[in-house]
Amino acid sequence: MSDHKQDCDCERRNLLIATSAVGGVAVAAAAVPFVASLAPSERAKAIGAPVIVDIGKLAPGEKTVVKWRGKPVWILRRTPEMLASLKAAEEKLSDPGSEKSDQPDYTKTPTRAIKDEYLVAIGICTHLGCSPSDKLKTGNAEGMAADWAGGFLCPCHGSLFDLAGRVFKSQPAPTNLEIPPHRYLSDTSIIIGEDSNDSKGA
């Protein structure tokens, strides 16, 4: 074989290797945005993709707020005293058993929760869509009546809700606060917008 032919074969081999390498890089570069596109976008989350919330650092008596479907979702870690107040409030409530309210069947309990300690509710008044304010302290510490046991006040038309999001009698709001579908992934993690009956989300 002549030196010229060997040089041509080497050049052809080098060109083939270089082309393959460039092609591999191009495929990998194209795959990155494709894989990234499989993760839910911010728009998808706003439309309704499930949201995972870490509640591990939420202290008793504290509340955190996350967005799901563009709505504020409250997660309130209730103290034993807060839970005790729920039973005492029942005779003052419009729908204490949440028979007329929008919530999953698994939260149709006296505490409206999977785990009594945690209230998960959509923080939008069922009257005209305002967001109620926290009035978590008892008595008149936050401008409420002396016998106030803690809960929420809608600033728009004055609807009152207890610490389970249940509306009091003779209030503008027709029903209790909505409970979204949710489930626990662990002791410190909740997924909003998905429950055990809907692995793809609500």
Foldseek 3Di string as FASTA:
>chain_A
DDPVVVVVVVVVVVVVVVVVVVVVVVVVVVVVVVVVVVDDDPVNQLCAFKDKDFQPPPDAQDWDWDHGVNFTKIKHQHDPLQLVVLVVCQVQFPCQQQPPAAEDPCLSDNCSDVDNRIAIFTQFFQQPGAGWDWPADAACPPPDHRGRSTFTFRPPFTWTAGPSQTTGPPGNRPGGTHHFAKDAPDPGMIMGQDHPVRPRGD
